Amino acid sequence: MKSMIKDAGILFVITLFAGLVLGGVYQLTKEPIAQQEERARTLARQEVFADAQQFVEPGGFSQEAAADVMAAGGFNVSINECVMACDGSGNALGYVITVTTHEGYGGDIRFAIGVRNDGTLNGISILSIAETAGLGMRAEEVLKPQFADKNVESFVYTKIGATAENEIDAISSATVTTSAVTNGVNAGLYFFREQLQAEGGSMNE
C-alpha cells in the first residue's frame, strides 16, 4: 500500500509539472501566434482586394447564421469571417469572405475570397492547406490564378481543359483538392448573393 501511495504521489508530481510547463509554453506562444494569424488575415484581405483602403466588419454577421445559409445551399463549408472592403472615403467596394471547406484530401482548406459589389471575384488567397505534396499542394500555383477576375454564378472543374469562363482546370491527379477548393469558392459566392448582395446587403442594416 505504501508503495502504491508513493508511486501515485510521484505520478501526480510529474503530471503537475508537465501541466505547468505546457501552460507556460501556451502563455508564451499565445500572443505571437495570434499576431501571426492576424497578419495572415490582413495580407489575405489586401491580396484579394488590392484597391481597398480599409476593411470594416459589417453588422449582423455570425458564424452560426452563416452555417444555416451554407446548410440551405447544401455546402460542406464554414464561413469564418466577412468584412467589407472600402475605399478611402468609406464607400463599400465589396467583401472579403473567409471560408473553410471540409472536403480536402488532407483535411480542411481555408482561404479568403474577394467579391466586388457586382459579383466579380477578384481572386482567392489560401490561408491554410495540408494536401499531398506535389499534388493537392499545387492548388496555389494551379487553381488560385484561375479564379481571378471572373464574374460567374458558380464554377465547375474539368479534366480536359477549360473552355468557358466558369470552368477551372483540375490539378492533375488531385481531383479531391480541386473539387474542395471549387466548392469552397462556390459557397463563398453563394453566401455573397444570399446575404450581402440581396436587397442591397442586409447585413449592413
N, C-alpha and C. Protein backbone atom coordinates (compact mmCIF):
# COMPACT_ATOMS: atom_id res chain seq x y z
N MET A 1 0.83 -1.20 0.00
CA MET A 1 0.00 0.00 0.00
C MET A 1 0.87 1.26 0.00
N LYS A 2 1.93 1.23 0.82
CA LYS A 2 2.82 2.38 0.87
C LYS A 2 3.48 2.63 -0.49
N SER A 3 3.84 1.52 -1.15
CA SER A 3 4.47 1.62 -2.47
C SER A 3 3.51 2.24 -3.48
N MET A 4 2.25 1.83 -3.41
CA MET A 4 1.24 2.37 -4.32
C MET A 4 1.04 3.87 -4.09
N ILE A 5 0.99 4.28 -2.82
CA ILE A 5 0.81 5.69 -2.49
C ILE A 5 2.02 6.50 -2.98
N LYS A 6 3.21 5.92 -2.81
CA LYS A 6 4.42 6.61 -3.26
C LYS A 6 4.41 6.79 -4.77
N ASP A 7 4.05 5.70 -5.49
CA ASP A 7 4.01 5.77 -6.96
C ASP A 7 2.97 6.78 -7.42
N ALA A 8 1.82 6.79 -6.76
CA ALA A 8 0.76 7.74 -7.11
C ALA A 8 1.23 9.17 -6.88
N GLY A 9 1.97 9.36 -5.78
CA GLY A 9 2.48 10.70 -5.48
C GLY A 9 3.47 11.16 -6.53
N ILE A 10 4.36 10.26 -6.94
CA ILE A 10 5.35 10.59 -7.97
C ILE A 10 4.65 10.94 -9.29
N LEU A 11 3.64 10.13 -9.64
CA LEU A 11 2.89 10.36 -10.87
C LEU A 11 2.17 11.71 -10.83
N PHE A 12 1.63 12.03 -9.65
CA PHE A 12 0.94 13.32 -9.50
C PHE A 12 1.90 14.48 -9.71
N VAL A 13 3.09 14.38 -9.11
CA VAL A 13 4.08 15.45 -9.24
C VAL A 13 4.51 15.62 -10.70
N ILE A 14 4.73 14.49 -11.38
CA ILE A 14 5.14 14.54 -12.79
C ILE A 14 4.04 15.18 -13.64
N THR A 15 2.80 14.76 -13.40
CA THR A 15 1.67 15.30 -14.16
C THR A 15 1.52 16.79 -13.89
N LEU A 16 1.64 17.19 -12.63
CA LEU A 16 1.52 18.61 -12.28
C LEU A 16 2.61 19.42 -12.95
N PHE A 17 3.84 18.91 -12.92
CA PHE A 17 4.96 19.63 -13.54
C PHE A 17 4.76 19.77 -15.05
N ALA A 18 4.32 18.68 -15.68
CA ALA A 18 4.08 18.70 -17.13
C ALA A 18 2.98 19.70 -17.47
N GLY A 19 1.94 19.74 -16.64
CA GLY A 19 0.85 20.69 -16.87
C GLY A 19 1.31 22.12 -16.74
N LEU A 20 2.16 22.39 -15.75
CA LEU A 20 2.69 23.75 -15.56
C LEU A 20 3.56 24.16 -16.74
N VAL A 21 4.38 23.21 -17.23
CA VAL A 21 5.26 23.51 -18.37
C VAL A 21 4.42 23.81 -19.61
N LEU A 22 3.42 22.96 -19.87
CA LEU A 22 2.57 23.18 -21.03
C LEU A 22 1.81 24.49 -20.93
N GLY A 23 1.32 24.80 -19.72
CA GLY A 23 0.62 26.07 -19.53
C GLY A 23 1.53 27.26 -19.77
N GLY A 24 2.78 27.15 -19.32
CA GLY A 24 3.73 28.23 -19.54
C GLY A 24 4.06 28.42 -21.01
N VAL A 25 4.25 27.30 -21.72
CA VAL A 25 4.53 27.37 -23.16
C VAL A 25 3.36 28.00 -23.89
N TYR A 26 2.13 27.64 -23.51
CA TYR A 26 0.94 28.20 -24.14
C TYR A 26 0.88 29.72 -23.96
N GLN A 27 1.14 30.16 -22.73
CA GLN A 27 1.10 31.60 -22.46
C GLN A 27 2.16 32.35 -23.25
N LEU A 28 3.33 31.72 -23.41
CA LEU A 28 4.41 32.37 -24.14
C LEU A 28 4.14 32.46 -25.63
N THR A 29 3.47 31.44 -26.17
CA THR A 29 3.26 31.37 -27.62
C THR A 29 1.90 31.92 -28.07
N LYS A 30 0.96 32.10 -27.13
CA LYS A 30 -0.39 32.52 -27.49
C LYS A 30 -0.40 33.85 -28.23
N GLU A 31 0.27 34.83 -27.70
CA GLU A 31 0.26 36.16 -28.31
C GLU A 31 0.97 36.19 -29.67
N PRO A 32 2.18 35.60 -29.79
CA PRO A 32 2.82 35.58 -31.12
C PRO A 32 2.00 34.86 -32.17
N ILE A 33 1.34 33.76 -31.78
CA ILE A 33 0.50 33.03 -32.73
C ILE A 33 -0.67 33.89 -33.16
N ALA A 34 -1.31 34.57 -32.22
CA ALA A 34 -2.44 35.44 -32.54
C ALA A 34 -2.01 36.57 -33.47
N GLN A 35 -0.82 37.12 -33.22
CA GLN A 35 -0.31 38.19 -34.08
C GLN A 35 -0.03 37.69 -35.48
N GLN A 36 0.51 36.49 -35.58
CA GLN A 36 0.82 35.90 -36.89
C GLN A 36 -0.47 35.63 -37.67
N GLU A 37 -1.49 35.13 -36.97
CA GLU A 37 -2.77 34.86 -37.62
C GLU A 37 -3.41 36.15 -38.11
N GLU A 38 -3.33 37.19 -37.31
CA GLU A 38 -3.90 38.49 -37.71
C GLU A 38 -3.14 39.05 -38.91
N ARG A 39 -1.83 38.90 -38.92
CA ARG A 39 -1.03 39.37 -40.05
C ARG A 39 -1.41 38.61 -41.32
N ALA A 40 -1.62 37.30 -41.19
CA ALA A 40 -2.01 36.48 -42.35
C ALA A 40 -3.36 36.92 -42.88
N ARG A 41 -4.31 37.22 -41.99
CA ARG A 41 -5.63 37.68 -42.41
C ARG A 41 -5.52 39.02 -43.14
N THR A 42 -4.70 39.91 -42.60
CA THR A 42 -4.53 41.23 -43.22
C THR A 42 -3.94 41.11 -44.62
N LEU A 43 -2.91 40.29 -44.76
CA LEU A 43 -2.27 40.10 -46.06
C LEU A 43 -3.23 39.47 -47.05
N ALA A 44 -4.05 38.52 -46.58
CA ALA A 44 -5.02 37.87 -47.46
C ALA A 44 -6.06 38.87 -47.94
N ARG A 45 -6.53 39.73 -47.06
CA ARG A 45 -7.50 40.75 -47.45
C ARG A 45 -6.91 41.68 -48.50
N GLN A 46 -5.69 42.09 -48.28
CA GLN A 46 -5.04 43.01 -49.23
C GLN A 46 -4.80 42.33 -50.57
N GLU A 47 -4.53 41.04 -50.54
CA GLU A 47 -4.27 40.32 -51.79
C GLU A 47 -5.52 40.22 -52.65
N VAL A 48 -6.66 39.94 -52.03
CA VAL A 48 -7.89 39.74 -52.81
C VAL A 48 -8.65 41.04 -53.04
N PHE A 49 -8.21 42.12 -52.40
CA PHE A 49 -8.84 43.43 -52.62
C PHE A 49 -7.77 44.50 -52.53
N ALA A 50 -6.89 44.52 -53.55
CA ALA A 50 -5.72 45.38 -53.52
C ALA A 50 -6.07 46.86 -53.52
N ASP A 51 -7.21 47.24 -54.09
CA ASP A 51 -7.56 48.66 -54.17
C ASP A 51 -8.34 49.16 -52.96
N ALA A 52 -8.62 48.29 -52.00
CA ALA A 52 -9.32 48.72 -50.79
C ALA A 52 -8.35 49.44 -49.85
N GLN A 53 -8.84 50.48 -49.20
CA GLN A 53 -8.03 51.26 -48.26
C GLN A 53 -8.28 50.85 -46.81
N GLN A 54 -9.42 50.23 -46.58
CA GLN A 54 -9.74 49.80 -45.22
C GLN A 54 -10.73 48.64 -45.28
N PHE A 55 -10.74 47.87 -44.19
CA PHE A 55 -11.64 46.73 -44.10
C PHE A 55 -12.45 46.87 -42.82
N VAL A 56 -13.77 46.79 -42.98
CA VAL A 56 -14.68 47.05 -41.86
C VAL A 56 -15.60 45.86 -41.65
N GLU A 57 -15.75 45.46 -40.40
CA GLU A 57 -16.64 44.35 -40.10
C GLU A 57 -18.08 44.84 -40.18
N PRO A 58 -18.91 44.20 -41.02
CA PRO A 58 -20.31 44.62 -41.13
C PRO A 58 -21.12 44.12 -39.94
N GLY A 59 -22.15 44.85 -39.60
CA GLY A 59 -23.01 44.42 -38.50
C GLY A 59 -23.86 43.24 -38.92
N GLY A 60 -24.17 42.39 -37.96
CA GLY A 60 -25.10 41.30 -38.23
C GLY A 60 -24.47 39.98 -38.62
N PHE A 61 -23.15 39.93 -38.84
CA PHE A 61 -22.56 38.66 -39.23
C PHE A 61 -22.35 37.76 -38.02
N SER A 62 -22.69 36.49 -38.19
CA SER A 62 -22.39 35.48 -37.17
C SER A 62 -22.11 34.17 -37.88
N GLN A 63 -21.19 33.41 -37.34
CA GLN A 63 -20.85 32.13 -37.94
C GLN A 63 -22.03 31.16 -37.88
N GLU A 64 -22.85 31.29 -36.83
CA GLU A 64 -24.00 30.41 -36.69
C GLU A 64 -25.02 30.66 -37.80
N ALA A 65 -25.31 31.94 -38.05
CA ALA A 65 -26.26 32.27 -39.12
C ALA A 65 -25.71 31.88 -40.48
N ALA A 66 -24.39 32.08 -40.65
CA ALA A 66 -23.75 31.70 -41.92
C ALA A 66 -23.84 30.19 -42.13
N ALA A 67 -23.72 29.43 -41.04
CA ALA A 67 -23.82 27.97 -41.14
C ALA A 67 -25.19 27.55 -41.65
N ASP A 68 -26.22 28.27 -41.23
CA ASP A 68 -27.57 27.97 -41.71
C ASP A 68 -27.68 28.23 -43.22
N VAL A 69 -27.04 29.30 -43.67
CA VAL A 69 -27.05 29.63 -45.10
C VAL A 69 -26.33 28.54 -45.89
N MET A 70 -25.20 28.08 -45.36
CA MET A 70 -24.45 27.02 -46.04
C MET A 70 -25.25 25.73 -46.10
N ALA A 71 -25.93 25.41 -45.00
CA ALA A 71 -26.73 24.19 -44.97
C ALA A 71 -27.87 24.27 -45.99
N ALA A 72 -28.48 25.45 -46.09
CA ALA A 72 -29.57 25.63 -47.04
C ALA A 72 -29.08 25.47 -48.48
N GLY A 73 -27.82 25.86 -48.72
CA GLY A 73 -27.25 25.74 -50.05
C GLY A 73 -26.64 24.39 -50.34
N GLY A 74 -26.58 23.53 -49.32
CA GLY A 74 -26.02 22.19 -49.50
C GLY A 74 -24.51 22.15 -49.53
N PHE A 75 -23.86 23.12 -48.85
CA PHE A 75 -22.40 23.18 -48.87
C PHE A 75 -21.80 22.64 -47.57
N ASN A 76 -20.74 21.85 -47.68
CA ASN A 76 -19.97 21.39 -46.53
C ASN A 76 -18.82 22.35 -46.30
N VAL A 77 -19.19 23.58 -46.01
CA VAL A 77 -18.24 24.69 -45.92
C VAL A 77 -18.64 25.59 -44.75
N SER A 78 -17.64 26.15 -44.06
CA SER A 78 -17.90 27.11 -43.00
C SER A 78 -17.50 28.51 -43.46
N ILE A 79 -18.32 29.49 -43.14
CA ILE A 79 -17.97 30.89 -43.36
C ILE A 79 -17.40 31.42 -42.06
N ASN A 80 -16.12 31.69 -42.03
CA ASN A 80 -15.44 32.08 -40.80
C ASN A 80 -15.48 33.58 -40.52
N GLU A 81 -15.48 34.35 -41.59
CA GLU A 81 -15.35 35.80 -41.40
C GLU A 81 -15.85 36.51 -42.64
N CYS A 82 -16.38 37.72 -42.45
CA CYS A 82 -16.82 38.54 -43.57
C CYS A 82 -16.56 39.99 -43.23
N VAL A 83 -15.80 40.68 -44.07
CA VAL A 83 -15.52 42.10 -43.85
C VAL A 83 -15.78 42.88 -45.13
N MET A 84 -16.19 44.13 -44.97
CA MET A 84 -16.39 44.99 -46.12
C MET A 84 -15.06 45.59 -46.56
N ALA A 85 -14.83 45.60 -47.85
CA ALA A 85 -13.65 46.26 -48.42
C ALA A 85 -14.09 47.65 -48.86
N CYS A 86 -13.47 48.68 -48.32
CA CYS A 86 -13.91 50.05 -48.56
C CYS A 86 -12.78 50.90 -49.15
N ASP A 87 -13.18 51.97 -49.84
CA ASP A 87 -12.19 52.90 -50.35
C ASP A 87 -11.83 53.90 -49.26
N GLY A 88 -11.03 54.91 -49.60
CA GLY A 88 -10.57 55.87 -48.60
C GLY A 88 -11.66 56.69 -47.96
N SER A 89 -12.81 56.80 -48.64
CA SER A 89 -13.95 57.57 -48.11
C SER A 89 -14.93 56.70 -47.35
N GLY A 90 -14.64 55.42 -47.25
CA GLY A 90 -15.52 54.52 -46.51
C GLY A 90 -16.60 53.89 -47.35
N ASN A 91 -16.56 54.12 -48.67
CA ASN A 91 -17.56 53.51 -49.55
C ASN A 91 -17.22 52.04 -49.79
N ALA A 92 -18.24 51.18 -49.69
CA ALA A 92 -18.02 49.74 -49.85
C ALA A 92 -17.75 49.38 -51.30
N LEU A 93 -16.63 48.70 -51.52
CA LEU A 93 -16.29 48.21 -52.86
C LEU A 93 -16.74 46.77 -53.04
N GLY A 94 -16.88 46.07 -51.94
CA GLY A 94 -17.26 44.67 -51.97
C GLY A 94 -16.95 44.04 -50.63
N TYR A 95 -16.67 42.74 -50.65
CA TYR A 95 -16.47 42.00 -49.41
C TYR A 95 -15.31 41.02 -49.52
N VAL A 96 -14.68 40.78 -48.38
CA VAL A 96 -13.71 39.69 -48.26
C VAL A 96 -14.35 38.64 -47.36
N ILE A 97 -14.51 37.44 -47.89
CA ILE A 97 -15.17 36.36 -47.17
C ILE A 97 -14.17 35.24 -46.95
N THR A 98 -14.00 34.83 -45.71
CA THR A 98 -13.10 33.72 -45.39
C THR A 98 -13.89 32.45 -45.22
N VAL A 99 -13.52 31.43 -45.98
CA VAL A 99 -14.26 30.17 -45.96
C VAL A 99 -13.31 29.02 -45.61
N THR A 100 -13.88 27.99 -45.01
CA THR A 100 -13.15 26.74 -44.76
C THR A 100 -13.95 25.60 -45.36
N THR A 101 -13.37 24.93 -46.35
CA THR A 101 -14.01 23.76 -46.92
C THR A 101 -13.51 22.53 -46.18
N HIS A 102 -14.43 21.63 -45.87
CA HIS A 102 -14.09 20.44 -45.09
C HIS A 102 -13.94 19.20 -45.97
N GLU A 103 -13.72 19.42 -47.25
CA GLU A 103 -13.69 18.32 -48.21
C GLU A 103 -12.30 18.05 -48.77
N GLY A 104 -11.27 18.66 -48.21
CA GLY A 104 -9.92 18.45 -48.71
C GLY A 104 -9.43 17.04 -48.47
N TYR A 105 -8.52 16.58 -49.28
CA TYR A 105 -7.95 15.23 -49.14
C TYR A 105 -7.18 15.11 -47.83
N GLY A 106 -6.48 16.19 -47.46
CA GLY A 106 -5.68 16.17 -46.24
C GLY A 106 -6.33 16.89 -45.07
N GLY A 107 -7.60 17.25 -45.20
CA GLY A 107 -8.28 17.97 -44.13
C GLY A 107 -8.86 19.29 -44.62
N ASP A 108 -9.12 20.18 -43.69
CA ASP A 108 -9.72 21.47 -44.02
C ASP A 108 -8.78 22.32 -44.86
N ILE A 109 -9.39 23.10 -45.75
CA ILE A 109 -8.65 24.09 -46.54
C ILE A 109 -9.33 25.43 -46.30
N ARG A 110 -8.58 26.40 -45.86
CA ARG A 110 -9.14 27.73 -45.56
C ARG A 110 -8.55 28.77 -46.51
N PHE A 111 -9.40 29.62 -47.04
CA PHE A 111 -8.93 30.69 -47.91
C PHE A 111 -9.90 31.86 -47.89
N ALA A 112 -9.42 32.99 -48.32
CA ALA A 112 -10.24 34.20 -48.42
C ALA A 112 -10.56 34.47 -49.88
N ILE A 113 -11.76 34.99 -50.14
CA ILE A 113 -12.12 35.41 -51.48
C ILE A 113 -12.54 36.87 -51.44
N GLY A 114 -12.24 37.60 -52.50
CA GLY A 114 -12.66 38.99 -52.60
C GLY A 114 -13.72 39.11 -53.67
N VAL A 115 -14.89 39.63 -53.30
CA VAL A 115 -16.01 39.74 -54.23
C VAL A 115 -16.48 41.19 -54.31
N ARG A 116 -16.51 41.74 -55.51
CA ARG A 116 -16.97 43.12 -55.69
C ARG A 116 -18.50 43.19 -55.63
N ASN A 117 -19.00 44.39 -55.49
CA ASN A 117 -20.44 44.58 -55.36
C ASN A 117 -21.22 44.00 -56.53
N ASP A 118 -20.61 43.97 -57.72
CA ASP A 118 -21.32 43.43 -58.88
C ASP A 118 -21.15 41.92 -59.03
N GLY A 119 -20.50 41.28 -58.04
CA GLY A 119 -20.34 39.83 -58.07
C GLY A 119 -19.05 39.35 -58.70
N THR A 120 -18.20 40.27 -59.15
CA THR A 120 -16.91 39.87 -59.73
C THR A 120 -15.98 39.33 -58.65
N LEU A 121 -15.43 38.16 -58.91
CA LEU A 121 -14.47 37.56 -57.98
C LEU A 121 -13.07 38.07 -58.30
N ASN A 122 -12.50 38.84 -57.38
CA ASN A 122 -11.13 39.35 -57.60
C ASN A 122 -10.12 38.21 -57.62
N GLY A 123 -10.34 37.24 -56.74
CA GLY A 123 -9.42 36.11 -56.63
C GLY A 123 -9.51 35.49 -55.26
N ILE A 124 -8.63 34.55 -54.97
CA ILE A 124 -8.61 33.87 -53.68
C ILE A 124 -7.20 33.93 -53.09
N SER A 125 -7.13 33.81 -51.77
CA SER A 125 -5.84 33.77 -51.07
C SER A 125 -5.89 32.63 -50.07
N ILE A 126 -5.06 31.63 -50.28
CA ILE A 126 -5.08 30.44 -49.43
C ILE A 126 -4.39 30.72 -48.10
N LEU A 127 -5.11 30.43 -47.01
CA LEU A 127 -4.61 30.69 -45.67
C LEU A 127 -4.06 29.42 -45.01
N SER A 128 -4.71 28.30 -45.27
CA SER A 128 -4.30 27.04 -44.64
C SER A 128 -4.64 25.87 -45.53
N ILE A 129 -3.65 25.03 -45.79
CA ILE A 129 -3.86 23.85 -46.64
C ILE A 129 -2.83 22.79 -46.28
N ALA A 130 -3.25 21.53 -46.26
CA ALA A 130 -2.34 20.44 -45.90
C ALA A 130 -2.60 19.24 -46.82
N GLU A 131 -2.60 19.50 -48.12
CA GLU A 131 -2.83 18.44 -49.09
C GLU A 131 -1.53 17.70 -49.42
N THR A 132 -1.61 16.73 -50.28
CA THR A 132 -0.45 15.91 -50.63
C THR A 132 0.58 16.72 -51.41
N ALA A 133 1.82 16.63 -50.97
CA ALA A 133 2.91 17.36 -51.65
C ALA A 133 3.01 16.93 -53.10
N GLY A 134 3.15 17.90 -53.98
CA GLY A 134 3.29 17.61 -55.40
C GLY A 134 1.98 17.36 -56.11
N LEU A 135 0.89 17.25 -55.35
CA LEU A 135 -0.43 17.02 -55.94
C LEU A 135 -1.37 18.14 -55.48
N GLY A 136 -2.12 17.88 -54.40
CA GLY A 136 -3.05 18.88 -53.91
C GLY A 136 -2.40 20.18 -53.47
N MET A 137 -1.13 20.09 -53.03
CA MET A 137 -0.43 21.31 -52.60
C MET A 137 -0.12 22.24 -53.77
N ARG A 138 -0.39 21.79 -54.98
CA ARG A 138 -0.20 22.65 -56.15
C ARG A 138 -1.39 23.59 -56.36
N ALA A 139 -2.33 23.58 -55.43
CA ALA A 139 -3.50 24.45 -55.55
C ALA A 139 -3.10 25.91 -55.67
N GLU A 140 -2.05 26.29 -54.97
CA GLU A 140 -1.58 27.68 -55.01
C GLU A 140 -1.17 28.09 -56.42
N GLU A 141 -0.45 27.23 -57.12
CA GLU A 141 0.05 27.58 -58.45
C GLU A 141 -0.93 27.26 -59.57
N VAL A 142 -1.75 26.21 -59.38
CA VAL A 142 -2.64 25.78 -60.47
C VAL A 142 -4.04 26.37 -60.36
N LEU A 143 -4.65 26.25 -59.20
CA LEU A 143 -6.05 26.68 -59.06
C LEU A 143 -6.20 28.17 -58.81
N LYS A 144 -5.41 28.69 -57.91
CA LYS A 144 -5.57 30.08 -57.48
C LYS A 144 -5.64 31.09 -58.63
N PRO A 145 -4.74 31.06 -59.62
CA PRO A 145 -4.80 32.06 -60.69
C PRO A 145 -6.06 31.98 -61.54
N GLN A 146 -6.69 30.82 -61.59
CA GLN A 146 -7.82 30.62 -62.48
C GLN A 146 -9.11 31.30 -61.99
N PHE A 147 -9.15 31.67 -60.71
CA PHE A 147 -10.35 32.29 -60.16
C PHE A 147 -10.34 33.82 -60.26
N ALA A 148 -9.23 34.38 -60.69
CA ALA A 148 -9.09 35.84 -60.68
C ALA A 148 -9.93 36.52 -61.75
N ASP A 149 -10.61 37.59 -61.34
CA ASP A 149 -11.35 38.47 -62.26
C ASP A 149 -12.41 37.73 -63.06
N LYS A 150 -13.18 36.92 -62.39
CA LYS A 150 -14.27 36.19 -63.02
C LYS A 150 -15.61 36.65 -62.44
N ASN A 151 -16.59 36.80 -63.30
CA ASN A 151 -17.93 37.16 -62.84
C ASN A 151 -18.90 36.07 -63.30
N VAL A 152 -19.01 35.03 -62.50
CA VAL A 152 -19.90 33.91 -62.81
C VAL A 152 -20.66 33.55 -61.53
N GLU A 153 -21.75 32.83 -61.69
CA GLU A 153 -22.54 32.45 -60.53
C GLU A 153 -21.85 31.34 -59.75
N SER A 154 -21.25 30.40 -60.47
CA SER A 154 -20.54 29.30 -59.82
C SER A 154 -19.54 28.70 -60.80
N PHE A 155 -18.60 27.94 -60.25
CA PHE A 155 -17.55 27.32 -61.06
C PHE A 155 -17.73 25.80 -61.11
N VAL A 156 -17.20 25.22 -62.17
CA VAL A 156 -17.09 23.76 -62.28
C VAL A 156 -15.66 23.46 -62.71
N TYR A 157 -15.18 22.28 -62.38
CA TYR A 157 -13.83 21.93 -62.80
C TYR A 157 -13.89 20.89 -63.92
N THR A 158 -12.87 20.87 -64.72
CA THR A 158 -12.80 19.95 -65.84
C THR A 158 -11.41 19.34 -65.93
N LYS A 159 -11.33 18.14 -66.48
CA LYS A 159 -10.06 17.45 -66.65
C LYS A 159 -9.57 17.50 -68.10
N ILE A 160 -10.34 18.13 -68.97
CA ILE A 160 -9.99 18.12 -70.40
C ILE A 160 -9.66 19.52 -70.93
N GLY A 161 -9.48 20.46 -70.04
CA GLY A 161 -9.11 21.81 -70.48
C GLY A 161 -10.29 22.77 -70.43
N ALA A 162 -10.15 23.85 -69.68
CA ALA A 162 -11.22 24.83 -69.53
C ALA A 162 -11.44 25.58 -70.84
N THR A 163 -12.72 25.69 -71.22
CA THR A 163 -13.07 26.42 -72.44
C THR A 163 -14.10 27.51 -72.16
N ALA A 164 -14.67 27.53 -70.96
CA ALA A 164 -15.68 28.52 -70.61
C ALA A 164 -15.21 29.34 -69.41
N GLU A 165 -15.83 30.50 -69.21
CA GLU A 165 -15.44 31.41 -68.14
C GLU A 165 -15.59 30.77 -66.76
N ASN A 166 -16.56 29.88 -66.62
CA ASN A 166 -16.82 29.28 -65.31
C ASN A 166 -16.11 27.95 -65.10
N GLU A 167 -15.23 27.57 -66.02
CA GLU A 167 -14.53 26.28 -65.90
C GLU A 167 -13.13 26.46 -65.34
N ILE A 168 -12.75 25.52 -64.49
CA ILE A 168 -11.44 25.51 -63.84
C ILE A 168 -10.71 24.22 -64.22
N ASP A 169 -9.49 24.35 -64.70
CA ASP A 169 -8.68 23.17 -65.00
C ASP A 169 -8.29 22.47 -63.69
N ALA A 170 -8.62 21.19 -63.57
CA ALA A 170 -8.31 20.44 -62.36
C ALA A 170 -6.81 20.20 -62.24
N ILE A 171 -6.34 20.08 -61.01
CA ILE A 171 -4.95 19.68 -60.77
C ILE A 171 -4.82 18.21 -61.15
N SER A 172 -3.82 17.88 -61.95
CA SER A 172 -3.63 16.50 -62.37
C SER A 172 -3.45 15.58 -61.17
N SER A 173 -4.25 14.53 -61.10
CA SER A 173 -4.20 13.52 -60.03
C SER A 173 -4.58 14.08 -58.66
N ALA A 174 -5.28 15.20 -58.63
CA ALA A 174 -5.71 15.79 -57.36
C ALA A 174 -7.12 16.34 -57.51
N THR A 175 -8.01 15.46 -57.95
CA THR A 175 -9.40 15.87 -58.16
C THR A 175 -10.09 16.26 -56.87
N VAL A 176 -9.77 15.57 -55.78
CA VAL A 176 -10.42 15.87 -54.49
C VAL A 176 -10.09 17.29 -54.05
N THR A 177 -8.84 17.66 -54.15
CA THR A 177 -8.44 19.02 -53.77
C THR A 177 -9.10 20.04 -54.68
N THR A 178 -9.10 19.77 -55.97
CA THR A 178 -9.72 20.68 -56.93
C THR A 178 -11.20 20.87 -56.60
N SER A 179 -11.88 19.77 -56.34
CA SER A 179 -13.30 19.83 -56.01
C SER A 179 -13.53 20.61 -54.73
N ALA A 180 -12.70 20.38 -53.72
CA ALA A 180 -12.86 21.06 -52.43
C ALA A 180 -12.72 22.57 -52.59
N VAL A 181 -11.68 23.00 -53.29
CA VAL A 181 -11.46 24.44 -53.46
C VAL A 181 -12.58 25.06 -54.30
N THR A 182 -12.95 24.37 -55.37
CA THR A 182 -14.02 24.88 -56.23
C THR A 182 -15.33 25.01 -55.47
N ASN A 183 -15.68 24.01 -54.69
CA ASN A 183 -16.90 24.07 -53.89
C ASN A 183 -16.83 25.17 -52.84
N GLY A 184 -15.63 25.37 -52.27
CA GLY A 184 -15.46 26.42 -51.29
C GLY A 184 -15.67 27.80 -51.89
N VAL A 185 -15.14 28.01 -53.09
CA VAL A 185 -15.35 29.28 -53.78
C VAL A 185 -16.83 29.47 -54.10
N ASN A 186 -17.46 28.43 -54.59
CA ASN A 186 -18.89 28.50 -54.90
C ASN A 186 -19.71 28.82 -53.66
N ALA A 187 -19.32 28.26 -52.53
CA ALA A 187 -20.02 28.53 -51.27
C ALA A 187 -19.88 30.00 -50.89
N GLY A 188 -18.68 30.54 -51.05
CA GLY A 188 -18.47 31.96 -50.74
C GLY A 188 -19.30 32.86 -51.64
N LEU A 189 -19.36 32.52 -52.92
CA LEU A 189 -20.17 33.31 -53.86
C LEU A 189 -21.66 33.18 -53.53
N TYR A 190 -22.08 32.00 -53.12
CA TYR A 190 -23.47 31.78 -52.74
C TYR A 190 -23.81 32.64 -51.52
N PHE A 191 -22.92 32.66 -50.54
CA PHE A 191 -23.14 33.48 -49.34
C PHE A 191 -23.22 34.95 -49.71
N PHE A 192 -22.36 35.39 -50.61
CA PHE A 192 -22.39 36.78 -51.07
C PHE A 192 -23.74 37.12 -51.68
N ARG A 193 -24.23 36.29 -52.57
CA ARG A 193 -25.50 36.56 -53.24
C ARG A 193 -26.68 36.53 -52.27
N GLU A 194 -26.67 35.54 -51.37
CA GLU A 194 -27.82 35.35 -50.49
C GLU A 194 -27.86 36.35 -49.33
N GLN A 195 -26.69 36.75 -48.82
CA GLN A 195 -26.67 37.57 -47.63
C GLN A 195 -26.16 39.00 -47.82
N LEU A 196 -25.35 39.22 -48.83
CA LEU A 196 -24.72 40.52 -48.98
C LEU A 196 -25.27 41.31 -50.15
N GLN A 197 -25.43 40.65 -51.27
CA GLN A 197 -25.91 41.34 -52.46
C GLN A 197 -27.42 41.47 -52.47
N ALA A 198 -28.11 40.49 -51.93
CA ALA A 198 -29.58 40.50 -51.91
C ALA A 198 -30.08 41.70 -51.11
N GLU A 199 -31.00 42.44 -51.68
CA GLU A 199 -31.63 43.59 -51.03
C GLU A 199 -30.60 44.61 -50.58
N GLY A 200 -29.53 44.74 -51.34
CA GLY A 200 -28.53 45.76 -51.03
C GLY A 200 -27.63 45.43 -49.87
N GLY A 201 -27.65 44.17 -49.43
CA GLY A 201 -26.76 43.78 -48.34
C GLY A 201 -27.41 43.92 -46.98
N SER A 202 -28.23 42.97 -46.62
CA SER A 202 -29.00 43.05 -45.38
C SER A 202 -28.13 43.07 -44.13
N MET A 203 -26.88 42.60 -44.23
CA MET A 203 -26.01 42.56 -43.07
C MET A 203 -25.57 43.95 -42.63
N ASN A 204 -25.72 44.95 -43.50
CA ASN A 204 -25.27 46.29 -43.15
C ASN A 204 -26.34 47.08 -42.41
N GLU A 205 -27.54 46.56 -42.28
CA GLU A 205 -28.62 47.28 -41.65
C GLU A 205 -28.47 47.27 -40.14
